C-alpha atoms as a PDB file:
ATOM      1  CA  MET A   1       0.000   0.000   0.000  1.00  0.00           C
ATOM      2  CA  PRO A   2       1.493   3.392  -0.967  1.00  0.00           C
ATOM      3  CA  ILE A   3       2.351   5.793   1.821  1.00  0.00           C
ATOM      4  CA  PHE A   4       3.185   9.469   2.165  1.00  0.00           C
ATOM      5  CA  ALA A   5       6.137  10.039   4.483  1.00  0.00           C
ATOM      6  CA  CYS A   6       6.225  13.343   6.338  1.00  0.00           C
ATOM      7  CA  GLY A   7       8.502  13.665   9.315  1.00  0.00           C
ATOM      8  CA  GLN A   8       7.666  11.050  11.925  1.00  0.00           C
ATOM      9  CA  TYR A   9       4.394  10.197  10.185  1.00  0.00           C
ATOM     10  CA  ARG A  10       3.710   7.481   7.619  1.00  0.00           C
ATOM     11  CA  LEU A  11       0.297   8.165   6.124  1.00  0.00           C
ATOM     12  CA  SER A  12      -1.466   5.436   4.211  1.00  0.00           C
ATOM     13  CA  LEU A  13      -2.855   6.506   0.845  1.00  0.00           C
ATOM     14  CA  ASP A  14      -5.438   3.749   0.665  1.00  0.00           C
ATOM     15  CA  ARG A  15      -8.094   6.455   0.967  1.00  0.00           C
ATOM     16  CA  PRO A  16      -8.056  10.197   0.216  1.00  0.00           C
ATOM     17  CA  LEU A  17      -6.528  12.187   3.069  1.00  0.00           C
ATOM     18  CA  LEU A  18      -8.126  15.441   4.175  1.00  0.00           C
ATOM     19  CA  MET A  19      -5.866  18.454   4.577  1.00  0.00           C
ATOM     20  CA  GLY A  20      -7.647  21.069   6.669  1.00  0.00           C
ATOM     21  CA  ILE A  21      -6.851  24.690   5.813  1.00  0.00           C
ATOM     22  CA  VAL A  22      -5.838  27.112   8.574  1.00  0.00           C
ATOM     23  CA  ASN A  23      -5.237  30.669   7.354  1.00  0.00           C
ATOM     24  CA  LEU A  24      -3.351  33.055   9.642  1.00  0.00           C
ATOM     25  CA  THR A  25      -3.884  36.044   7.362  1.00  0.00           C
ATOM     26  CA  SER A  26      -6.210  39.008   7.315  1.00  0.00           C
ATOM     27  CA  ASP A  27      -6.836  38.884   3.562  1.00  0.00           C
ATOM     28  CA  SER A  28      -7.541  35.237   2.791  1.00  0.00           C
ATOM     29  CA  PHE A  29      -9.651  34.940  -0.375  1.00  0.00           C
ATOM     30  CA  SER A  30     -12.004  32.559   1.414  1.00  0.00           C
ATOM     31  CA  GLY A  31     -12.799  34.943   4.241  1.00  0.00           C
ATOM     32  CA  ASP A  32     -11.659  32.593   7.015  1.00  0.00           C
ATOM     33  CA  GLY A  33      -8.330  34.216   7.842  1.00  0.00           C
ATOM     34  CA  CYS A  34      -7.440  34.431  11.531  1.00  0.00           C
ATOM     35  CA  ALA A  35      -5.079  37.404  11.017  1.00  0.00           C
ATOM     36  CA  SER A  36      -2.748  37.900  13.985  1.00  0.00           C
ATOM     37  CA  ASP A  37      -5.129  36.376  16.525  1.00  0.00           C
ATOM     38  CA  THR A  38      -3.087  33.438  17.820  1.00  0.00           C
ATOM     39  CA  ALA A  39      -5.862  32.033  19.992  1.00  0.00           C
ATOM     40  CA  ARG A  40      -8.317  32.153  17.097  1.00  0.00           C
ATOM     41  CA  GLY A  41      -5.828  30.435  14.808  1.00  0.00           C
ATOM     42  CA  ILE A  42      -5.214  27.646  17.315  1.00  0.00           C
ATOM     43  CA  GLU A  43      -8.944  27.201  17.878  1.00  0.00           C
ATOM     44  CA  HIS A  44      -9.603  26.987  14.132  1.00  0.00           C
ATOM     45  CA  ALA A  45      -6.848  24.396  13.811  1.00  0.00           C
ATOM     46  CA  ARG A  46      -8.400  22.384  16.648  1.00  0.00           C
ATOM     47  CA  LEU A  47     -11.824  22.532  15.008  1.00  0.00           C
ATOM     48  CA  GLN A  48     -10.358  21.320  11.706  1.00  0.00           C
ATOM     49  CA  LEU A  49      -8.686  18.429  13.512  1.00  0.00           C
ATOM     50  CA  GLU A  50     -11.875  17.512  15.396  1.00  0.00           C
ATOM     51  CA  ALA A  51     -13.779  17.666  12.105  1.00  0.00           C
ATOM     52  CA  GLY A  52     -11.587  14.875  10.744  1.00  0.00           C
ATOM     53  CA  ALA A  53      -8.537  16.473   9.146  1.00  0.00           C
ATOM     54  CA  ASP A  54      -5.624  14.081   8.608  1.00  0.00           C
ATOM     55  CA  ILE A  55      -3.192  16.966   8.017  1.00  0.00           C
ATOM     56  CA  LEU A  56      -3.404  20.617   9.053  1.00  0.00           C
ATOM     57  CA  ASP A  57      -2.075  23.067   6.460  1.00  0.00           C
ATOM     58  CA  ILE A  58      -1.146  26.353   8.118  1.00  0.00           C
ATOM     59  CA  GLY A  59      -0.321  29.452   6.111  1.00  0.00           C
ATOM     60  CA  ALA A  60       0.608  32.942   7.290  1.00  0.00           C
ATOM     61  CA  GLU A  61       0.880  34.661   3.909  1.00  0.00           C
ATOM     62  CA  SER A  62      -1.995  35.190   1.521  1.00  0.00           C
ATOM     63  CA  THR A  63      -1.318  33.904  -1.987  1.00  0.00           C
ATOM     64  CA  ARG A  64      -4.699  34.870  -3.404  1.00  0.00           C
ATOM     65  CA  PRO A  65      -4.675  36.625  -6.792  1.00  0.00           C
ATOM     66  CA  GLY A  66      -3.417  40.176  -6.364  1.00  0.00           C
ATOM     67  CA  ALA A  67      -1.789  39.538  -2.991  1.00  0.00           C
ATOM     68  CA  LEU A  68       1.475  41.290  -2.162  1.00  0.00           C
ATOM     69  CA  PRO A  69       4.387  39.415  -0.546  1.00  0.00           C
ATOM     70  CA  THR A  70       4.470  39.272   3.241  1.00  0.00           C
ATOM     71  CA  PRO A  71       7.832  40.052   4.893  1.00  0.00           C
ATOM     72  CA  VAL A  72       9.519  37.038   6.481  1.00  0.00           C
ATOM     73  CA  GLU A  73       9.400  38.663   9.916  1.00  0.00           C
ATOM     74  CA  GLU A  74       5.643  39.200   9.725  1.00  0.00           C
ATOM     75  CA  GLU A  75       4.990  35.708   8.403  1.00  0.00           C
ATOM     76  CA  LEU A  76       6.954  34.215  11.298  1.00  0.00           C
ATOM     77  CA  ARG A  77       5.263  36.505  13.812  1.00  0.00           C
ATOM     78  CA  ARG A  78       1.893  35.105  12.809  1.00  0.00           C
ATOM     79  CA  LEU A  79       3.054  31.533  12.402  1.00  0.00           C
ATOM     80  CA  VAL A  80       5.430  30.690  15.248  1.00  0.00           C
ATOM     81  CA  PRO A  81       3.027  30.998  18.229  1.00  0.00           C
ATOM     82  CA  VAL A  82       0.494  28.753  16.507  1.00  0.00           C
ATOM     83  CA  LEU A  83       3.086  26.168  15.521  1.00  0.00           C
ATOM     84  CA  ARG A  84       4.413  25.994  19.069  1.00  0.00           C
ATOM     85  CA  GLU A  85       0.989  24.756  20.127  1.00  0.00           C
ATOM     86  CA  VAL A  86      -0.287  22.652  17.234  1.00  0.00           C
ATOM     87  CA  CYS A  87       2.993  20.791  16.674  1.00  0.00           C
ATOM     88  CA  THR A  88       2.402  19.126  20.070  1.00  0.00           C
ATOM     89  CA  TRP A  89      -0.909  17.580  19.001  1.00  0.00           C
ATOM     90  CA  GLY A  90       0.453  14.423  17.379  1.00  0.00           C
ATOM     91  CA  VAL A  91      -0.918  15.233  13.919  1.00  0.00           C
ATOM     92  CA  PRO A  92       1.038  16.097  10.753  1.00  0.00           C
ATOM     93  CA  ILE A  93       1.405  19.854  10.407  1.00  0.00           C
ATOM     94  CA  SER A  94       2.041  21.306   6.961  1.00  0.00           C
ATOM     95  CA  VAL A  95       3.279  24.863   6.542  1.00  0.00           C
ATOM     96  CA  ASP A  96       2.249  26.699   3.390  1.00  0.00           C
ATOM     97  CA  THR A  97       5.299  28.793   2.516  1.00  0.00           C
ATOM     98  CA  TYR A  98       7.894  29.286  -0.199  1.00  0.00           C
ATOM     99  CA  LYS A  99      10.457  31.116   1.937  1.00  0.00           C
ATOM    100  CA  PRO A 100      13.550  29.138   3.067  1.00  0.00           C
ATOM    101  CA  ASP A 101      13.795  30.978   6.400  1.00  0.00           C
ATOM    102  CA  VAL A 102      10.167  30.238   7.226  1.00  0.00           C
ATOM    103  CA  MET A 103      10.608  26.607   6.194  1.00  0.00           C
ATOM    104  CA  ARG A 104      13.659  26.244   8.429  1.00  0.00           C
ATOM    105  CA  GLU A 105      11.968  27.749  11.485  1.00  0.00           C
ATOM    106  CA  SER A 106       8.780  25.744  10.923  1.00  0.00           C
ATOM    107  CA  LEU A 107      10.665  22.460  10.709  1.00  0.00           C
ATOM    108  CA  MET A 108      12.611  23.290  13.860  1.00  0.00           C
ATOM    109  CA  LEU A 109       9.289  23.788  15.646  1.00  0.00           C
ATOM    110  CA  GLY A 110       8.033  20.389  14.540  1.00  0.00           C
ATOM    111  CA  ALA A 111       6.250  20.878  11.206  1.00  0.00           C
ATOM    112  CA  ALA A 112       6.143  17.629   9.241  1.00  0.00           C
ATOM    113  CA  MET A 113       5.454  18.981   5.760  1.00  0.00           C
ATOM    114  CA  ILE A 114       6.212  21.980   3.559  1.00  0.00           C
ATOM    115  CA  ASN A 115       3.642  23.064   0.971  1.00  0.00           C
ATOM    116  CA  ASP A 116       5.499  25.232  -1.570  1.00  0.00           C
ATOM    117  CA  ILE A 117       3.539  27.089  -4.246  1.00  0.00           C
ATOM    118  CA  THR A 118       6.749  27.557  -6.259  1.00  0.00           C
ATOM    119  CA  GLY A 119       7.631  23.864  -6.468  1.00  0.00           C
ATOM    120  CA  MET A 120      10.893  24.257  -4.517  1.00  0.00           C
ATOM    121  CA  SER A 121      12.285  26.368  -7.333  1.00  0.00           C
ATOM    122  CA  ASP A 122      14.471  28.284  -4.859  1.00  0.00           C
ATOM    123  CA  PRO A 123      17.719  26.281  -4.375  1.00  0.00           C
ATOM    124  CA  LEU A 124      17.886  27.520  -0.776  1.00  0.00           C
ATOM    125  CA  ALA A 125      14.424  26.112  -0.111  1.00  0.00           C
ATOM    126  CA  LEU A 126      15.389  22.777  -1.621  1.00  0.00           C
ATOM    127  CA  ASP A 127      18.483  22.745   0.578  1.00  0.00           C
ATOM    128  CA  VAL A 128      16.344  23.260   3.695  1.00  0.00           C
ATOM    129  CA  VAL A 129      14.015  20.340   2.990  1.00  0.00           C
ATOM    130  CA  THR A 130      16.876  18.129   1.851  1.00  0.00           C
ATOM    131  CA  HIS A 131      18.325  18.328   5.348  1.00  0.00           C
ATOM    132  CA  SER A 132      15.056  17.183   6.930  1.00  0.00           C
ATOM    133  CA  ASP A 133      12.644  14.278   6.613  1.00  0.00           C
ATOM    134  CA  CYS A 134       9.557  16.413   5.957  1.00  0.00           C
ATOM    135  CA  GLY A 135       6.935  15.729   3.352  1.00  0.00           C
ATOM    136  CA  ILE A 136       6.952  18.086   0.379  1.00  0.00           C
ATOM    137  CA  CYS A 137       4.148  19.360  -1.826  1.00  0.00           C
ATOM    138  CA  LEU A 138       5.397  20.708  -5.149  1.00  0.00           C
ATOM    139  CA  MET A 139       2.873  23.040  -6.775  1.00  0.00           C
ATOM    140  CA  HIS A 140       2.716  24.672 -10.191  1.00  0.00           C
ATOM    141  CA  MET A 141       2.159  28.405 -10.473  1.00  0.00           C
ATOM    142  CA  GLN A 142       2.560  30.637 -13.503  1.00  0.00           C
ATOM    143  CA  GLY A 143       3.869  34.041 -12.412  1.00  0.00           C
ATOM    144  CA  ALA A 144       3.513  35.402  -8.887  1.00  0.00           C
ATOM    145  CA  PRO A 145       0.343  35.845  -6.775  1.00  0.00           C
ATOM    146  CA  GLY A 146       0.258  39.594  -7.324  1.00  0.00           C
ATOM    147  CA  THR A 147      -0.009  39.298 -11.103  1.00  0.00           C
ATOM    148  CA  MET A 148      -0.678  35.647 -11.916  1.00  0.00           C
ATOM    149  CA  GLN A 149      -4.302  36.120 -12.952  1.00  0.00           C
ATOM    150  CA  GLN A 150      -3.785  39.127 -15.212  1.00  0.00           C
ATOM    151  CA  ALA A 151      -3.129  37.209 -18.431  1.00  0.00           C
ATOM    152  CA  PRO A 152      -2.269  33.530 -17.896  1.00  0.00           C
ATOM    153  CA  ALA A 153      -1.362  31.823 -21.162  1.00  0.00           C
ATOM    154  CA  TYR A 154      -0.252  28.349 -22.239  1.00  0.00           C
ATOM    155  CA  VAL A 155       0.211  26.490 -25.482  1.00  0.00           C
ATOM    156  CA  ASP A 156      -0.891  23.264 -23.778  1.00  0.00           C
ATOM    157  CA  VAL A 157      -1.638  23.740 -20.081  1.00  0.00           C
ATOM    158  CA  VAL A 158      -1.730  20.028 -19.222  1.00  0.00           C
ATOM    159  CA  THR A 159       1.602  19.251 -20.859  1.00  0.00           C
ATOM    160  CA  GLU A 160       3.300  22.346 -19.453  1.00  0.00           C
ATOM    161  CA  VAL A 161       2.116  21.784 -15.885  1.00  0.00           C
ATOM    162  CA  GLU A 162       3.006  18.108 -16.094  1.00  0.00           C
ATOM    163  CA  ARG A 163       6.490  18.913 -17.409  1.00  0.00           C
ATOM    164  CA  PHE A 164       7.146  21.567 -14.750  1.00  0.00           C
ATOM    165  CA  LEU A 165       6.143  19.291 -11.879  1.00  0.00           C
ATOM    166  CA  ALA A 166       8.186  16.411 -13.276  1.00  0.00           C
ATOM    167  CA  GLN A 167      11.230  18.700 -13.381  1.00  0.00           C
ATOM    168  CA  CYS A 168      10.626  19.827  -9.794  1.00  0.00           C
ATOM    169  CA  ALA A 169      10.301  16.245  -8.602  1.00  0.00           C
ATOM    170  CA  THR A 170      13.452  15.245 -10.492  1.00  0.00           C
ATOM    171  CA  ALA A 171      15.352  18.060  -8.772  1.00  0.00           C
ATOM    172  CA  CYS A 172      14.179  16.801  -5.384  1.00  0.00           C
ATOM    173  CA  LEU A 173      15.170  13.229  -6.179  1.00  0.00           C
ATOM    174  CA  ALA A 174      18.588  14.418  -7.353  1.00  0.00           C
ATOM    175  CA  ALA A 175      18.979  16.133  -3.971  1.00  0.00           C
ATOM    176  CA  LYS A 176      18.376  12.745  -2.306  1.00  0.00           C
ATOM    177  CA  VAL A 177      14.786  13.413  -1.253  1.00  0.00           C
ATOM    178  CA  LYS A 178      12.988  10.063  -1.119  1.00  0.00           C
ATOM    179  CA  SER A 179      10.121   9.695  -3.558  1.00  0.00           C
ATOM    180  CA  GLU A 180       7.694   8.730  -0.765  1.00  0.00           C
ATOM    181  CA  ARG A 181       8.087  12.265   0.650  1.00  0.00           C
ATOM    182  CA  ILE A 182       6.777  13.978  -2.508  1.00  0.00           C
ATOM    183  CA  VAL A 183       3.254  14.909  -3.592  1.00  0.00           C
ATOM    184  CA  LEU A 184       2.288  17.127  -6.526  1.00  0.00           C
ATOM    185  CA  ASP A 185      -0.310  19.883  -6.879  1.00  0.00           C
ATOM    186  CA  PRO A 186      -1.391  21.205 -10.324  1.00  0.00           C
ATOM    187  CA  GLY A 187      -2.035  24.603  -8.736  1.00  0.00           C
ATOM    188  CA  PHE A 188      -5.659  25.258  -9.593  1.00  0.00           C
ATOM    189  CA  GLY A 189      -6.236  29.012  -9.765  1.00  0.00           C
ATOM    190  CA  PHE A 190      -2.556  29.917  -9.691  1.00  0.00           C
ATOM    191  CA  GLY A 191      -1.952  31.583 -13.041  1.00  0.00           C
ATOM    192  CA  LYS A 192      -4.798  29.809 -14.830  1.00  0.00           C
ATOM    193  CA  THR A 193      -8.077  30.770 -16.448  1.00  0.00           C
ATOM    194  CA  LEU A 194     -11.249  28.798 -15.876  1.00  0.00           C
ATOM    195  CA  ALA A 195     -10.588  26.908 -19.119  1.00  0.00           C
ATOM    196  CA  HIS A 196      -7.069  26.030 -17.938  1.00  0.00           C
ATOM    197  CA  ASN A 197      -8.384  24.808 -14.591  1.00  0.00           C
ATOM    198  CA  LEU A 198     -11.052  22.659 -16.224  1.00  0.00           C
ATOM    199  CA  ALA A 199      -8.534  21.106 -18.617  1.00  0.00           C
ATOM    200  CA  LEU A 200      -6.191  20.256 -15.749  1.00  0.00           C
ATOM    201  CA  PHE A 201      -8.952  18.775 -13.620  1.00  0.00           C
ATOM    202  CA  ARG A 202     -10.219  16.589 -16.429  1.00  0.00           C
ATOM    203  CA  ALA A 203      -6.659  15.375 -17.062  1.00  0.00           C
ATOM    204  CA  LEU A 204      -5.975  14.251 -13.476  1.00  0.00           C
ATOM    205  CA  THR A 205      -6.415  10.617 -14.441  1.00  0.00           C
ATOM    206  CA  VAL A 206      -3.979  10.807 -17.356  1.00  0.00           C
ATOM    207  CA  MET A 207      -1.327  13.279 -16.202  1.00  0.00           C
ATOM    208  CA  ASN A 208       1.879  11.501 -15.286  1.00  0.00           C
ATOM    209  CA  ALA A 209       4.638  13.505 -13.634  1.00  0.00           C
ATOM    210  CA  GLY A 210       6.498  10.512 -12.254  1.00  0.00           C
ATOM    211  CA  ASP A 211       3.619   8.608 -10.650  1.00  0.00           C
ATOM    212  CA  PHE A 212       3.661  10.785  -7.537  1.00  0.00           C
ATOM    213  CA  PRO A 213       0.404  11.251  -5.592  1.00  0.00           C
ATOM    214  CA  TRP A 214      -1.761  14.230  -6.475  1.00  0.00           C
ATOM    215  CA  LEU A 215      -2.846  16.839  -3.959  1.00  0.00           C
ATOM    216  CA  VAL A 216      -5.883  18.778  -5.161  1.00  0.00           C
ATOM    217  CA  GLY A 217      -7.009  22.092  -3.719  1.00  0.00           C
ATOM    218  CA  VAL A 218     -10.052  23.667  -5.335  1.00  0.00           C
ATOM    219  CA  SER A 219     -12.053  24.460  -2.198  1.00  0.00           C
ATOM    220  CA  ARG A 220     -14.092  27.679  -2.569  1.00  0.00           C
ATOM    221  CA  LYS A 221     -11.914  28.830  -5.473  1.00  0.00           C
ATOM    222  CA  SER A 222     -12.954  31.170  -8.262  1.00  0.00           C
ATOM    223  CA  MET A 223     -13.133  28.323 -10.773  1.00  0.00           C
ATOM    224  CA  LEU A 224     -16.128  27.030  -8.813  1.00  0.00           C
ATOM    225  CA  GLY A 225     -17.601  30.502  -8.810  1.00  0.00           C
ATOM    226  CA  GLY A 226     -17.097  30.619 -12.558  1.00  0.00           C
ATOM    227  CA  ILE A 227     -19.018  27.375 -12.948  1.00  0.00           C
ATOM    228  CA  THR A 228     -21.843  28.067 -10.493  1.00  0.00           C
ATOM    229  CA  GLY A 229     -22.045  31.853 -10.326  1.00  0.00           C
ATOM    230  CA  ARG A 230     -21.936  31.577  -6.522  1.00  0.00           C
ATOM    231  CA  ALA A 231     -20.074  33.943  -4.188  1.00  0.00           C
ATOM    232  CA  ILE A 232     -17.236  32.581  -2.040  1.00  0.00           C
ATOM    233  CA  GLY A 233     -19.442  32.003   0.998  1.00  0.00           C
ATOM    234  CA  GLU A 234     -21.889  29.957  -1.076  1.00  0.00           C
ATOM    235  CA  ARG A 235     -19.427  27.511  -2.640  1.00  0.00           C
ATOM    236  CA  MET A 236     -19.416  24.657  -0.126  1.00  0.00           C
ATOM    237  CA  PRO A 237     -21.640  22.337  -2.226  1.00  0.00           C
ATOM    238  CA  ALA A 238     -19.510  23.001  -5.297  1.00  0.00           C
ATOM    239  CA  SER A 239     -16.332  22.450  -3.276  1.00  0.00           C
ATOM    240  CA  ILE A 240     -17.562  19.091  -2.009  1.00  0.00           C
ATOM    241  CA  ALA A 241     -18.636  17.987  -5.488  1.00  0.00           C
ATOM    242  CA  ALA A 242     -15.210  18.907  -6.864  1.00  0.00           C
ATOM    243  CA  ALA A 243     -13.457  17.089  -4.017  1.00  0.00           C
ATOM    244  CA  MET A 244     -15.457  13.923  -4.684  1.00  0.00           C
ATOM    245  CA  LEU A 245     -14.632  14.044  -8.388  1.00  0.00           C
ATOM    246  CA  ALA A 246     -10.959  14.619  -7.584  1.00  0.00           C
ATOM    247  CA  ALA A 247     -11.020  11.569  -5.316  1.00  0.00           C
ATOM    248  CA  GLN A 248     -12.647   9.502  -8.055  1.00  0.00           C
ATOM    249  CA  LYS A 249      -9.883  10.652 -10.387  1.00  0.00           C
ATOM    250  CA  GLY A 250      -7.275   9.353  -7.966  1.00  0.00           C
ATOM    251  CA  ALA A 251      -6.305  12.389  -5.880  1.00  0.00           C
ATOM    252  CA  LYS A 252      -4.710  11.196  -2.642  1.00  0.00           C
ATOM    253  CA  ILE A 253      -4.868  14.440  -0.618  1.00  0.00           C
ATOM    254  CA  LEU A 254      -7.770  16.905  -0.697  1.00  0.00           C
ATOM    255  CA  ARG A 255      -6.993  20.389   0.633  1.00  0.00           C
ATOM    256  CA  VAL A 256     -10.305  21.747   1.946  1.00  0.00           C
ATOM    257  CA  HIS A 257     -11.904  24.413   4.118  1.00  0.00           C
ATOM    258  CA  ASP A 258     -14.989  22.344   4.992  1.00  0.00           C
ATOM    259  CA  VAL A 259     -13.457  19.233   6.535  1.00  0.00           C
ATOM    260  CA  ALA A 260     -16.501  17.655   8.209  1.00  0.00           C
ATOM    261  CA  ALA A 261     -18.761  18.002   5.178  1.00  0.00           C
ATOM    262  CA  THR A 262     -16.088  16.629   2.857  1.00  0.00           C
ATOM    263  CA  ARG A 263     -15.395  13.731   5.240  1.00  0.00           C
ATOM    264  CA  ASP A 264     -19.090  12.810   5.252  1.00  0.00           C
ATOM    265  CA  ALA A 265     -19.289  12.978   1.466  1.00  0.00           C
ATOM    266  CA  LEU A 266     -16.237  10.711   1.156  1.00  0.00           C
ATOM    267  CA  ALA A 267     -17.801   8.234   3.578  1.00  0.00           C
ATOM    268  CA  VAL A 268     -21.026   8.102   1.574  1.00  0.00           C
ATOM    269  CA  MET A 269     -19.145   7.728  -1.703  1.00  0.00           C
ATOM    270  CA  ALA A 270     -17.034   4.879  -0.293  1.00  0.00           C
ATOM    271  CA  ALA A 271     -20.081   3.080   1.087  1.00  0.00           C
ATOM    272  CA  LEU A 272     -22.199   3.374  -2.052  1.00  0.00           C
ATOM    273  CA  GLN A 273     -19.614   2.665  -4.714  1.00  0.00           C
END
């Protein structure tokens, strides 16, 4: 049975794992950011865990379209107090960051996974994770969050995303990162139009970037708004439907805001299939 290795944890991939989102920002696109309120961030993390999350993904910098970079010092100021608490809970903690200094500090505090929107394209970031046993999510993004949605363009989005992620994974393997530590994320909404996102989603069953597990994060995203016409706060049904389809297409980790509802939907799907 395939596993995902992240730090001290060995997670079976015999069913889709739920990655519960914890935003420590004031400008999260989904409206659930906990800003600099440490107690609120810890409480939200606890609720996600109690709802059934297998992994908690904690981010202290908004990467929504149009977002400006957060200074390292501010990102750590938001992140460190929460990590000091949640890393004692006995559950895999993922930190959503692309900054080597933030990665290093997070791993020292006990984080078990790094979720990098740039696919470890910074050699310093790759060096940090190489000297640890953390799990790694390599994501595709065209451009940077501040400008990525202005005019995304591809000749063949599926081939280009697949090629980029394969190159990122190859770089990790060359740096002696074990393959069982790597998962891939196509980066829905990161430098992609609705048409690009739909093409990538439909190709999940045929994309092959080295046979690594797929992590899919479409929860509450604009692509679902584009399909349904619903505002962000009204996208839970669409998010759950997309998560179920991703699971049917073989996704091994589902990054979601609504953990309990997604867990229930997965249970029903498993029972009725």
